[in-house]
C-alpha atoms as a PDB file:
ATOM      1  CA  UNK A   1      79.676 114.368  95.052  1.00  0.00           C
ATOM      2  CA  UNK A   2      81.414 115.978  92.094  1.00  0.00           C
ATOM      3  CA  UNK A   3      85.170 116.456  92.116  1.00  0.00           C
ATOM      4  CA  UNK A   4      87.800 117.606  89.654  1.00  0.00           C
ATOM      5  CA  UNK A   5      89.643 114.979  87.658  1.00  0.00           C
ATOM      6  CA  UNK A   6      92.459 113.160  89.472  1.00  0.00           C
ATOM      7  CA  UNK A   7      95.982 114.196  88.521  1.00  0.00           C
ATOM      8  CA  UNK A   8      98.717 111.806  87.474  1.00  0.00           C
ATOM      9  CA  UNK A   9     101.315 113.744  89.478  1.00  0.00           C
ATOM     10  CA  UNK A  10      99.359 113.037  92.705  1.00  0.00           C
ATOM     11  CA  UNK A  11      99.181 116.768  93.394  1.00  0.00           C
ATOM     12  CA  UNK A  12      96.179 118.808  94.384  1.00  0.00           C
ATOM     13  CA  UNK A  13      92.907 117.263  93.243  1.00  0.00           C
ATOM     14  CA  UNK A  14      93.331 113.795  94.685  1.00  0.00           C
ATOM     15  CA  UNK A  15      91.083 112.454  97.442  1.00  0.00           C
ATOM     16  CA  UNK A  16      91.008 109.178  99.359  1.00  0.00           C
ATOM     17  CA  UNK A  17      88.334 107.757  97.014  1.00  0.00           C
ATOM     18  CA  UNK A  18      90.938 107.870  94.188  1.00  0.00           C
ATOM     19  CA  UNK A  19      93.617 106.019  96.177  1.00  0.00           C
ATOM     20  CA  UNK A  20      94.875 102.472  95.640  1.00  0.00           C
ATOM     21  CA  UNK A  21      94.736 101.902  99.418  1.00  0.00           C
ATOM     22  CA  UNK A  22      91.079 102.914  99.779  1.00  0.00           C
ATOM     23  CA  UNK A  23      89.018  99.803 100.518  1.00  0.00           C
ATOM     24  CA  UNK A  24      85.444 100.526  99.598  1.00  0.00           C
ATOM     25  CA  UNK A  25      83.313 101.138  96.544  1.00  0.00           C
ATOM     26  CA  UNK A  26      83.215 104.878  95.917  1.00  0.00           C
ATOM     27  CA  UNK A  27      81.219 104.285  92.695  1.00  0.00           C
ATOM     28  CA  UNK A  28      83.404 106.494  90.481  1.00  0.00           C
ATOM     29  CA  UNK A  29      82.048 107.608  87.122  1.00  0.00           C
ATOM     30  CA  UNK A  30      82.712 110.513  84.794  1.00  0.00           C
ATOM     31  CA  UNK A  31      80.589 113.615  84.864  1.00  0.00           C
ATOM     32  CA  UNK A  32      81.412 115.600  81.763  1.00  0.00           C
ATOM     33  CA  UNK A  33      84.965 116.324  80.661  1.00  0.00           C
ATOM     34  CA  UNK A  34      86.313 117.877  83.834  1.00  0.00           C
ATOM     35  CA  UNK A  35      84.725 116.086  86.773  1.00  0.00           C
ATOM     36  CA  UNK A  36      84.335 112.686  88.409  1.00  0.00           C
ATOM     37  CA  UNK A  37      81.326 111.839  90.523  1.00  0.00           C
ATOM     38  CA  UNK A  38      81.528 109.517  93.514  1.00  0.00           C
ATOM     39  CA  UNK A  39      79.469 108.516  96.526  1.00  0.00           C
ATOM     40  CA  UNK A  40      80.781 110.524  99.473  1.00  0.00           C
ATOM     41  CA  UNK A  41      78.694 108.460 101.917  1.00  0.00           C
ATOM     42  CA  UNK A  42      80.274 105.138 101.046  1.00  0.00           C
ATOM     43  CA  UNK A  43      81.840 103.115 103.828  1.00  0.00           C
ATOM     44  CA  UNK A  44      85.468 102.125 103.547  1.00  0.00           C
ATOM     45  CA  UNK A  45      88.859 102.262 105.185  1.00  0.00           C
ATOM     46  CA  UNK A  46      92.463 103.012 104.400  1.00  0.00           C
ATOM     47  CA  UNK A  47      94.645  99.921 104.124  1.00  0.00           C
ATOM     48  CA  UNK A  48      97.855 101.982 104.294  1.00  0.00           C
ATOM     49  CA  UNK A  49      97.468 104.040 107.438  1.00  0.00           C
ATOM     50  CA  UNK A  50      94.426 102.367 108.957  1.00  0.00           C
ATOM     51  CA  UNK A  51      91.373 104.192 110.153  1.00  0.00           C
ATOM     52  CA  UNK A  52      88.250 105.193 108.329  1.00  0.00           C
ATOM     53  CA  UNK A  53      88.845 108.448 106.445  1.00  0.00           C
ATOM     54  CA  UNK A  54      86.026 109.890 104.391  1.00  0.00           C
ATOM     55  CA  UNK A  55      86.259 109.130 100.656  1.00  0.00           C
ATOM     56  CA  UNK A  56      86.123 112.888 100.003  1.00  0.00           C
ATOM     57  CA  UNK A  57      89.070 113.582 102.331  1.00  0.00           C
ATOM     58  CA  UNK A  58      90.969 116.369 100.547  1.00  0.00           C
ATOM     59  CA  UNK A  59      94.120 115.820 102.545  1.00  0.00           C
ATOM     60  CA  UNK A  60      95.060 112.549 100.898  1.00  0.00           C
ATOM     61  CA  UNK A  61      98.176 111.383 102.726  1.00  0.00           C
ATOM     62  CA  UNK A  62     101.745 111.160 101.494  1.00  0.00           C
ATOM     63  CA  UNK A  63     101.230 107.443 100.766  1.00  0.00           C
ATOM     64  CA  UNK A  64      98.597 108.231  98.120  1.00  0.00           C
ATOM     65  CA  UNK A  65      98.828 106.072  94.993  1.00  0.00           C
ATOM     66  CA  UNK A  66      96.308 106.332  92.172  1.00  0.00           C
ATOM     67  CA  UNK A  67      93.937 103.366  91.986  1.00  0.00           C
ATOM     68  CA  UNK A  68      93.395 101.549  88.697  1.00  0.00           C
ATOM     69  CA  UNK A  69      89.773 102.645  88.671  1.00  0.00           C
ATOM     70  CA  UNK A  70      90.623 106.336  89.220  1.00  0.00           C
ATOM     71  CA  UNK A  71      93.420 106.254  86.649  1.00  0.00           C
ATOM     72  CA  UNK A  72      90.785 105.990  83.900  1.00  0.00           C
ATOM     73  CA  UNK A  73      89.780 109.572  84.660  1.00  0.00           C
ATOM     74  CA  UNK A  74      93.214 111.170  85.060  1.00  0.00           C
ATOM     75  CA  UNK A  75      93.549 114.716  83.812  1.00  0.00           C
ATOM     76  CA  UNK A  76      95.796 114.642  80.761  1.00  0.00           C
END
């Protein structure tokens, strides 16, 4: 799945796959200058709130923190 670049201010474009608390391998990699591609079918879970949200969950919770892997792609 293609998605816009994550934002450093944690506003708008962030999804669970970009979160520090997401436990799973979303297989992030860049796709051009403005998008990140990831596997939306990956299995994982949230270590912060529990449960098994989808990696493409657009309503990333208030506890969202950018993961080290996703920070490589942050929109500057």
